[in-house]
């Protein structure tokens, strides 16, 4: 599944370091780490946006269950 996807690196990635990569697939967002590309997490755009908003607000440990 991941071979034909177009993966985009995080803008916070270092040139020589590991990074988070995202790809769109069938209305979902796929997330992986560059050092372990076989492990892929699938989520929805809305859930990812909610997660990122909580992290930006410093409330990552208090994520509500959906």
PDB file of N, CA and C in Angstrom:
ATOM      1  N   UNK A   1       0.823  -1.205   0.000  1.00  0.00           N
ATOM      2  CA  UNK A   1       0.000   0.000   0.000  1.00  0.00           C
ATOM      3  C   UNK A   1       0.861   1.260   0.000  1.00  0.00           C
ATOM      4  N   UNK A   2       1.952   1.300   0.767  1.00  0.00           N
ATOM      5  CA  UNK A   2       2.710   2.533   0.909  1.00  0.00           C
ATOM      6  C   UNK A   2       3.655   2.810  -0.257  1.00  0.00           C
ATOM      7  N   UNK A   3       3.897   1.843  -1.137  1.00  0.00           N
ATOM      8  CA  UNK A   3       4.859   2.033  -2.216  1.00  0.00           C
ATOM      9  C   UNK A   3       4.384   3.058  -3.238  1.00  0.00           C
ATOM     10  N   UNK A   4       3.097   3.113  -3.541  1.00  0.00           N
ATOM     11  CA  UNK A   4       2.598   4.016  -4.572  1.00  0.00           C
ATOM     12  C   UNK A   4       2.117   5.365  -4.021  1.00  0.00           C
ATOM     13  N   UNK A   5       2.217   5.568  -2.743  1.00  0.00           N
ATOM     14  CA  UNK A   5       1.766   6.818  -2.133  1.00  0.00           C
ATOM     15  C   UNK A   5       2.829   7.901  -2.250  1.00  0.00           C
ATOM     16  N   UNK A   6       2.384   9.139  -2.227  1.00  0.00           N
ATOM     17  CA  UNK A   6       3.304  10.279  -2.200  1.00  0.00           C
ATOM     18  C   UNK A   6       3.383  10.754  -0.754  1.00  0.00           C
ATOM     19  N   UNK A   7       4.520  10.535  -0.139  1.00  0.00           N
ATOM     20  CA  UNK A   7       4.726  10.899   1.262  1.00  0.00           C
ATOM     21  C   UNK A   7       5.331  12.293   1.345  1.00  0.00           C
ATOM     22  N   UNK A   8       4.833  13.082   2.275  1.00  0.00           N
ATOM     23  CA  UNK A   8       5.322  14.449   2.483  1.00  0.00           C
ATOM     24  C   UNK A   8       5.966  14.532   3.858  1.00  0.00           C
ATOM     25  N   UNK A   9       7.182  15.060   3.902  1.00  0.00           N
ATOM     26  CA  UNK A   9       7.894  15.216   5.171  1.00  0.00           C
ATOM     27  C   UNK A   9       7.363  16.414   5.939  1.00  0.00           C
ATOM     28  N   UNK A  10       7.455  16.317   7.231  1.00  0.00           N
ATOM     29  CA  UNK A  10       7.141  17.445   8.096  1.00  0.00           C
ATOM     30  C   UNK A  10       8.109  18.592   7.812  1.00  0.00           C
ATOM     31  N   UNK A  11       7.619  19.820   7.861  1.00  0.00           N
ATOM     32  CA  UNK A  11       8.482  20.975   7.665  1.00  0.00           C
ATOM     33  C   UNK A  11       9.442  21.169   8.840  1.00  0.00           C
ATOM     34  N   UNK A  12       9.204  20.484   9.948  1.00  0.00           N
ATOM     35  CA  UNK A  12      10.079  20.570  11.114  1.00  0.00           C
ATOM     36  C   UNK A  12      11.200  19.540  11.070  1.00  0.00           C
ATOM     37  N   UNK A  13      11.260  18.733  10.025  1.00  0.00           N
ATOM     38  CA  UNK A  13      12.256  17.671   9.923  1.00  0.00           C
ATOM     39  C   UNK A  13      13.655  18.230   9.702  1.00  0.00           C
ATOM     40  N   UNK A  14      14.607  17.572  10.273  1.00  0.00           N
ATOM     41  CA  UNK A  14      16.013  17.891  10.057  1.00  0.00           C
ATOM     42  C   UNK A  14      16.473  17.165   8.798  1.00  0.00           C
ATOM     43  N   UNK A  15      17.467  17.710   8.123  1.00  0.00           N
ATOM     44  CA  UNK A  15      17.990  17.068   6.911  1.00  0.00           C
ATOM     45  C   UNK A  15      18.516  15.663   7.197  1.00  0.00           C
ATOM     46  N   UNK A  16      19.232  15.495   8.288  1.00  0.00           N
ATOM     47  CA  UNK A  16      19.847  14.202   8.583  1.00  0.00           C
ATOM     48  C   UNK A  16      19.084  13.389   9.624  1.00  0.00           C
ATOM     49  N   UNK A  17      18.028  13.953  10.188  1.00  0.00           N
ATOM     50  CA  UNK A  17      17.312  13.270  11.259  1.00  0.00           C
ATOM     51  C   UNK A  17      16.080  12.531  10.789  1.00  0.00           C
ATOM     52  N   UNK A  18      15.495  11.800  11.696  1.00  0.00           N
ATOM     53  CA  UNK A  18      14.244  11.103  11.418  1.00  0.00           C
ATOM     54  C   UNK A  18      13.121  12.115  11.352  1.00  0.00           C
ATOM     55  N   UNK A  19      12.065  11.772  10.637  1.00  0.00           N
ATOM     56  CA  UNK A  19      10.981  12.735  10.501  1.00  0.00           C
ATOM     57  C   UNK A  19       9.635  12.026  10.401  1.00  0.00           C
ATOM     58  N   UNK A  20       8.598  12.797  10.565  1.00  0.00           N
ATOM     59  CA  UNK A  20       7.235  12.325  10.391  1.00  0.00           C
ATOM     60  C   UNK A  20       6.839  12.610   8.952  1.00  0.00           C
ATOM     61  N   UNK A  21       6.184  11.638   8.319  1.00  0.00           N
ATOM     62  CA  UNK A  21       5.729  11.794   6.947  1.00  0.00           C
ATOM     63  C   UNK A  21       4.231  11.531   6.881  1.00  0.00           C
ATOM     64  N   UNK A  22       3.548  12.259   6.009  1.00  0.00           N
ATOM     65  CA  UNK A  22       2.106  12.124   5.827  1.00  0.00           C
ATOM     66  C   UNK A  22       1.800  11.812   4.373  1.00  0.00           C
ATOM     67  N   UNK A  23       0.705  11.077   4.150  1.00  0.00           N
ATOM     68  CA  UNK A  23       0.216  10.813   2.799  1.00  0.00           C
ATOM     69  C   UNK A  23      -1.302  10.752   2.845  1.00  0.00           C
ATOM     70  N   UNK A  24      -1.928  11.172   1.760  1.00  0.00           N
ATOM     71  CA  UNK A  24      -3.385  11.072   1.637  1.00  0.00           C
ATOM     72  C   UNK A  24      -3.708   9.781   0.910  1.00  0.00           C
ATOM     73  N   UNK A  25      -4.767   9.093   1.382  1.00  0.00           N
ATOM     74  CA  UNK A  25      -5.154   7.829   0.753  1.00  0.00           C
ATOM     75  C   UNK A  25      -6.639   7.583   0.973  1.00  0.00           C
ATOM     76  N   UNK A  26      -7.417   7.714  -0.068  1.00  0.00           N
ATOM     77  CA  UNK A  26      -8.841   7.399   0.012  1.00  0.00           C
ATOM     78  C   UNK A  26      -9.604   8.189   1.058  1.00  0.00           C
ATOM     79  N   UNK A  27      -9.304   9.458   1.212  1.00  0.00           N
ATOM     80  CA  UNK A  27      -9.990  10.282   2.197  1.00  0.00           C
ATOM     81  C   UNK A  27      -9.412  10.195   3.593  1.00  0.00           C
ATOM     82  N   UNK A  28      -8.410   9.359   3.787  1.00  0.00           N
ATOM     83  CA  UNK A  28      -7.752   9.214   5.084  1.00  0.00           C
ATOM     84  C   UNK A  28      -6.383   9.881   5.032  1.00  0.00           C
ATOM     85  N   UNK A  29      -5.804  10.067   6.214  1.00  0.00           N
ATOM     86  CA  UNK A  29      -4.439  10.560   6.341  1.00  0.00           C
ATOM     87  C   UNK A  29      -3.614   9.419   6.919  1.00  0.00           C
ATOM     88  N   UNK A  30      -2.501   9.114   6.261  1.00  0.00           N
ATOM     89  CA  UNK A  30      -1.581   8.092   6.745  1.00  0.00           C
ATOM     90  C   UNK A  30      -0.362   8.794   7.324  1.00  0.00           C
ATOM     91  N   UNK A  31       0.131   8.276   8.434  1.00  0.00           N
ATOM     92  CA  UNK A  31       1.268   8.885   9.134  1.00  0.00           C
ATOM     93  C   UNK A  31       2.284   7.792   9.406  1.00  0.00           C
ATOM     94  N   UNK A  32       3.564   8.110   9.198  1.00  0.00           N
ATOM     95  CA  UNK A  32       4.635   7.166   9.512  1.00  0.00           C
ATOM     96  C   UNK A  32       5.886   7.941   9.905  1.00  0.00           C
ATOM     97  N   UNK A  33       6.832   7.231  10.511  1.00  0.00           N
ATOM     98  CA  UNK A  33       8.142   7.798  10.802  1.00  0.00           C
ATOM     99  C   UNK A  33       9.103   7.301   9.737  1.00  0.00           C
ATOM    100  N   UNK A  34      10.001   8.164   9.308  1.00  0.00           N
ATOM    101  CA  UNK A  34      10.915   7.782   8.236  1.00  0.00           C
ATOM    102  C   UNK A  34      11.837   6.631   8.632  1.00  0.00           C
ATOM    103  N   UNK A  35      12.141   6.486   9.913  1.00  0.00           N
ATOM    104  CA  UNK A  35      13.019   5.397  10.339  1.00  0.00           C
ATOM    105  C   UNK A  35      12.290   4.063  10.481  1.00  0.00           C
ATOM    106  N   UNK A  36      10.963   4.050  10.356  1.00  0.00           N
ATOM    107  CA  UNK A  36      10.166   2.819  10.412  1.00  0.00           C
ATOM    108  C   UNK A  36       9.011   2.930   9.419  1.00  0.00           C
ATOM    109  N   UNK A  37       9.304   2.976   8.110  1.00  0.00           N
ATOM    110  CA  UNK A  37       8.264   3.240   7.117  1.00  0.00           C
ATOM    111  C   UNK A  37       7.222   2.140   6.974  1.00  0.00           C
ATOM    112  N   UNK A  38       7.478   0.959   7.500  1.00  0.00           N
ATOM    113  CA  UNK A  38       6.495  -0.124   7.394  1.00  0.00           C
ATOM    114  C   UNK A  38       5.348   0.036   8.384  1.00  0.00           C
ATOM    115  N   UNK A  39       5.549   0.811   9.436  1.00  0.00           N
ATOM    116  CA  UNK A  39       4.510   1.045  10.431  1.00  0.00           C
ATOM    117  C   UNK A  39       3.767   2.320  10.057  1.00  0.00           C
ATOM    118  N   UNK A  40       2.485   2.172   9.732  1.00  0.00           N
ATOM    119  CA  UNK A  40       1.680   3.292   9.263  1.00  0.00           C
ATOM    120  C   UNK A  40       0.426   3.408  10.121  1.00  0.00           C
ATOM    121  N   UNK A  41       0.136   4.626  10.559  1.00  0.00           N
ATOM    122  CA  UNK A  41      -1.071   4.910  11.323  1.00  0.00           C
ATOM    123  C   UNK A  41      -2.058   5.594  10.387  1.00  0.00           C
ATOM    124  N   UNK A  42      -3.304   5.165  10.423  1.00  0.00           N
ATOM    125  CA  UNK A  42      -4.351   5.731   9.572  1.00  0.00           C
ATOM    126  C   UNK A  42      -5.328   6.501  10.447  1.00  0.00           C
ATOM    127  N   UNK A  43      -5.691   7.707  10.011  1.00  0.00           N
ATOM    128  CA  UNK A  43      -6.651   8.521  10.745  1.00  0.00           C
ATOM    129  C   UNK A  43      -7.461   9.356   9.758  1.00  0.00           C
ATOM    130  N   UNK A  44      -8.412  10.081  10.285  1.00  0.00           N
ATOM    131  CA  UNK A  44      -9.196  10.984   9.435  1.00  0.00           C
ATOM    132  C   UNK A  44      -8.599  12.384   9.512  1.00  0.00           C
ATOM    133  N   UNK A  45      -8.846  13.217   8.511  1.00  0.00           N
ATOM    134  CA  UNK A  45      -8.367  14.600   8.590  1.00  0.00           C
ATOM    135  C   UNK A  45      -8.911  15.328   9.825  1.00  0.00           C
ATOM    136  N   UNK A  46     -10.165  15.088  10.173  1.00  0.00           N
ATOM    137  CA  UNK A  46     -10.761  15.761  11.335  1.00  0.00           C
ATOM    138  C   UNK A  46     -10.101  15.325  12.638  1.00  0.00           C
ATOM    139  N   UNK A  47      -9.840  14.029  12.790  1.00  0.00           N
ATOM    140  CA  UNK A  47      -9.180  13.551  14.007  1.00  0.00           C
ATOM    141  C   UNK A  47      -7.746  14.057  14.102  1.00  0.00           C
ATOM    142  N   UNK A  48      -7.038  14.112  12.976  1.00  0.00           N
ATOM    143  CA  UNK A  48      -5.678  14.638  12.982  1.00  0.00           C
ATOM    144  C   UNK A  48      -5.680  16.120  13.353  1.00  0.00           C
ATOM    145  N   UNK A  49      -6.603  16.884  12.796  1.00  0.00           N
ATOM    146  CA  UNK A  49      -6.702  18.313  13.125  1.00  0.00           C
ATOM    147  C   UNK A  49      -6.994  18.513  14.606  1.00  0.00           C
ATOM    148  N   UNK A  50      -7.889  17.699  15.163  1.00  0.00           N
ATOM    149  CA  UNK A  50      -8.220  17.795  16.586  1.00  0.00           C
ATOM    150  C   UNK A  50      -6.997  17.454  17.447  1.00  0.00           C
ATOM    151  N   UNK A  51      -6.278  16.416  17.065  1.00  0.00           N
ATOM    152  CA  UNK A  51      -5.069  16.021  17.788  1.00  0.00           C
ATOM    153  C   UNK A  51      -4.025  17.146  17.764  1.00  0.00           C
ATOM    154  N   UNK A  52      -3.768  17.707  16.595  1.00  0.00           N
ATOM    155  CA  UNK A  52      -2.785  18.779  16.474  1.00  0.00           C
ATOM    156  C   UNK A  52      -3.195  20.019  17.260  1.00  0.00           C
ATOM    157  N   UNK A  53      -4.477  20.334  17.277  1.00  0.00           N
ATOM    158  CA  UNK A  53      -4.957  21.487  18.045  1.00  0.00           C
ATOM    159  C   UNK A  53      -4.699  21.280  19.540  1.00  0.00           C
ATOM    160  N   UNK A  54      -4.946  20.075  20.026  1.00  0.00           N
ATOM    161  CA  UNK A  54      -4.699  19.785  21.444  1.00  0.00           C
ATOM    162  C   UNK A  54      -3.216  19.879  21.770  1.00  0.00           C
ATOM    163  N   UNK A  55      -2.369  19.373  20.880  1.00  0.00           N
ATOM    164  CA  UNK A  55      -0.924  19.447  21.101  1.00  0.00           C
ATOM    165  C   UNK A  55      -0.473  20.908  21.135  1.00  0.00           C
ATOM    166  N   UNK A  56      -0.941  21.708  20.194  1.00  0.00           N
ATOM    167  CA  UNK A  56      -0.562  23.127  20.148  1.00  0.00           C
ATOM    168  C   UNK A  56      -0.995  23.865  21.400  1.00  0.00           C
ATOM    169  N   UNK A  57      -2.080  23.430  22.007  1.00  0.00           N
ATOM    170  CA  UNK A  57      -2.577  24.062  23.231  1.00  0.00           C
ATOM    171  C   UNK A  57      -1.939  23.473  24.484  1.00  0.00           C
ATOM    172  N   UNK A  58      -1.023  22.533  24.296  1.00  0.00           N
ATOM    173  CA  UNK A  58      -0.346  21.927  25.432  1.00  0.00           C
ATOM    174  C   UNK A  58      -1.206  20.960  26.209  1.00  0.00           C
ATOM    175  N   UNK A  59      -2.225  20.406  25.554  1.00  0.00           N
ATOM    176  CA  UNK A  59      -3.145  19.501  26.240  1.00  0.00           C
ATOM    177  C   UNK A  59      -3.113  18.104  25.651  1.00  0.00           C
ATOM    178  N   UNK A  60      -1.981  17.680  25.103  1.00  0.00           N
ATOM    179  CA  UNK A  60      -1.888  16.385  24.445  1.00  0.00           C
ATOM    180  C   UNK A  60      -2.259  15.206  25.323  1.00  0.00           C
ATOM    181  N   UNK A  61      -2.011  15.326  26.616  1.00  0.00           N
ATOM    182  CA  UNK A  61      -2.326  14.222  27.518  1.00  0.00           C
ATOM    183  C   UNK A  61      -3.814  14.160  27.866  1.00  0.00           C
ATOM    184  N   UNK A  62      -4.601  15.138  27.426  1.00  0.00           N
ATOM    185  CA  UNK A  62      -6.021  15.195  27.779  1.00  0.00           C
ATOM    186  C   UNK A  62      -6.928  15.029  26.561  1.00  0.00           C
ATOM    187  N   UNK A  63      -6.506  14.250  25.582  1.00  0.00           N
ATOM    188  CA  UNK A  63      -7.312  14.082  24.372  1.00  0.00           C
ATOM    189  C   UNK A  63      -8.640  13.396  24.696  1.00  0.00           C
ATOM    190  N   UNK A  64      -9.728  13.927  24.201  1.00  0.00           N
ATOM    191  CA  UNK A  64     -11.025  13.281  24.425  1.00  0.00           C
ATOM    192  C   UNK A  64     -11.163  12.046  23.545  1.00  0.00           C
ATOM    193  N   UNK A  65     -11.912  11.101  24.000  1.00  0.00           N
ATOM    194  CA  UNK A  65     -12.181   9.904  23.190  1.00  0.00           C
ATOM    195  C   UNK A  65     -13.325  10.192  22.244  1.00  0.00           C
ATOM    196  N   UNK A  66     -13.195   9.672  21.016  1.00  0.00           N
ATOM    197  CA  UNK A  66     -14.272   9.869  20.023  1.00  0.00           C
ATOM    198  C   UNK A  66     -14.976   8.572  19.743  1.00  0.00           C
TER     199      UNK A  66
END
